[in-house]
Amino acid sequence: MVKHIVMWKFKDFAEGKSKEENISLVRDSLYALVGKIDEIKKMEIGADISHTDMSMDMVLLTEFESIADMKAYAVNPEHVKVSTYVRKVIESRVVLDYDM
């Protein structure tokens, strides 16, 4: 199994929406991929509740059977649509992928 973790810091305002609206929209868009992209074995998304200077705004945890499955997910057109929007509304992103 491969775990893919992504954390984002969102812009305060982007694409005509507040940070909170974009976090909600991105969360819903990502969860909508479950069932559409067979390679996703598990997905969990959380929004920050502590709001410290060190905090990121949102985290995505996904699990895949293999690196090949994770790569297939990355280029899936449905995922590309979501990630294209995400790039417009975030300030920064960190990623960690590892074998379980």
Protein backbone atom coordinates (compact mmCIF):
# COMPACT_ATOMS: atom_id res chain seq x y z
CA MET A 1 0.00 0.00 0.00
CA VAL A 2 1.08 3.56 -0.72
CA LYS A 3 -0.07 6.52 1.33
CA HIS A 4 -0.25 9.94 -0.34
CA ILE A 5 -0.51 12.95 1.98
CA VAL A 6 -1.01 16.51 0.75
CA MET A 7 -1.40 19.65 2.85
CA TRP A 8 -2.42 23.05 1.52
CA LYS A 9 -2.37 26.65 2.68
CA PHE A 10 -5.26 28.44 0.94
CA LYS A 11 -5.38 32.05 -0.24
CA ASP A 12 -7.70 34.25 1.83
CA PHE A 13 -9.72 35.00 -1.30
CA ALA A 14 -9.47 33.40 -4.77
CA GLU A 15 -11.70 32.64 -7.74
CA GLY A 16 -14.45 34.81 -6.24
CA LYS A 17 -14.63 32.79 -3.01
CA SER A 18 -13.40 33.09 0.56
CA LYS A 19 -10.82 30.69 1.99
CA GLU A 20 -13.56 28.81 3.83
CA GLU A 21 -15.70 28.49 0.70
CA ASN A 22 -12.75 27.16 -1.30
CA ILE A 23 -11.80 24.68 1.42
CA SER A 24 -15.36 23.35 1.38
CA LEU A 25 -15.49 23.24 -2.41
CA VAL A 26 -12.15 21.45 -2.70
CA ARG A 27 -13.09 18.96 0.02
CA ASP A 28 -16.38 18.13 -1.72
CA SER A 29 -14.67 17.89 -5.12
CA LEU A 30 -12.02 15.50 -3.80
CA TYR A 31 -14.54 13.28 -2.01
CA ALA A 32 -16.54 13.14 -5.26
CA LEU A 33 -13.55 11.34 -6.85
CA VAL A 34 -14.13 8.30 -4.63
CA GLY A 35 -16.05 5.84 -6.75
CA LYS A 36 -15.08 7.64 -9.96
CA ILE A 37 -11.39 6.71 -9.72
CA ASP A 38 -11.00 3.00 -8.98
CA GLU A 39 -7.39 3.35 -7.81
CA ILE A 40 -8.44 5.26 -4.67
CA LYS A 41 -8.66 2.71 -1.87
CA LYS A 42 -9.21 5.18 0.97
CA MET A 43 -9.56 8.94 1.31
CA GLU A 44 -9.68 11.18 4.36
CA ILE A 45 -9.78 14.98 4.34
CA GLY A 46 -9.52 17.36 7.27
CA ALA A 47 -9.59 21.12 7.72
CA ASP A 48 -7.44 22.81 10.35
CA ILE A 49 -9.08 23.60 13.67
CA SER A 50 -6.14 25.15 15.56
CA HIS A 51 -5.38 28.07 13.18
CA THR A 52 -1.82 28.64 14.41
CA ASP A 53 0.98 30.29 12.43
CA MET A 54 2.39 26.83 11.71
CA SER A 55 -0.91 25.32 10.55
CA MET A 56 -1.79 24.33 7.04
CA ASP A 57 -5.46 24.78 6.13
CA MET A 58 -6.36 21.35 4.82
CA VAL A 59 -4.94 17.82 4.59
CA LEU A 60 -5.70 15.01 2.15
CA LEU A 61 -4.77 11.42 3.02
CA THR A 62 -5.25 8.83 0.29
CA GLU A 63 -4.25 5.19 0.01
CA PHE A 64 -3.44 3.22 -3.13
CA GLU A 65 -2.43 -0.39 -3.77
CA SER A 66 0.76 0.66 -5.59
CA ILE A 67 2.81 3.57 -6.86
CA ALA A 68 1.47 2.77 -10.34
CA ASP A 69 -2.09 3.23 -9.04
CA MET A 70 -1.12 6.54 -7.41
CA LYS A 71 0.38 7.73 -10.70
CA ALA A 72 -2.77 6.68 -12.59
CA TYR A 73 -4.85 8.70 -10.11
CA ALA A 74 -2.62 11.74 -10.63
CA VAL A 75 -3.29 11.85 -14.39
CA ASN A 76 -6.94 10.79 -14.29
CA PRO A 77 -8.96 13.57 -16.01
CA GLU A 78 -11.35 13.84 -13.05
CA HIS A 79 -8.43 14.39 -10.66
CA VAL A 80 -6.77 16.82 -13.07
CA LYS A 81 -9.94 18.98 -13.04
CA VAL A 82 -9.83 19.22 -9.25
CA SER A 83 -6.08 19.80 -9.04
CA THR A 84 -6.28 22.55 -11.69
CA TYR A 85 -8.76 24.43 -9.51
CA VAL A 86 -6.74 23.76 -6.34
CA ARG A 87 -3.64 25.37 -7.87
CA LYS A 88 -5.66 28.56 -8.40
CA VAL A 89 -6.80 28.87 -4.77
CA ILE A 90 -3.74 27.85 -2.73
CA GLU A 91 -0.62 29.68 -1.58
CA SER A 92 1.46 26.59 -0.91
CA ARG A 93 1.41 22.81 -0.82
CA VAL A 94 3.47 20.04 0.76
CA VAL A 95 3.36 16.38 -0.23
CA LEU A 96 4.60 13.13 1.28
CA ASP A 97 4.23 9.70 -0.30
CA TYR A 98 5.36 6.50 1.41
CA ASP A 99 5.00 2.72 1.39
CA MET A 100 3.00 1.23 4.21
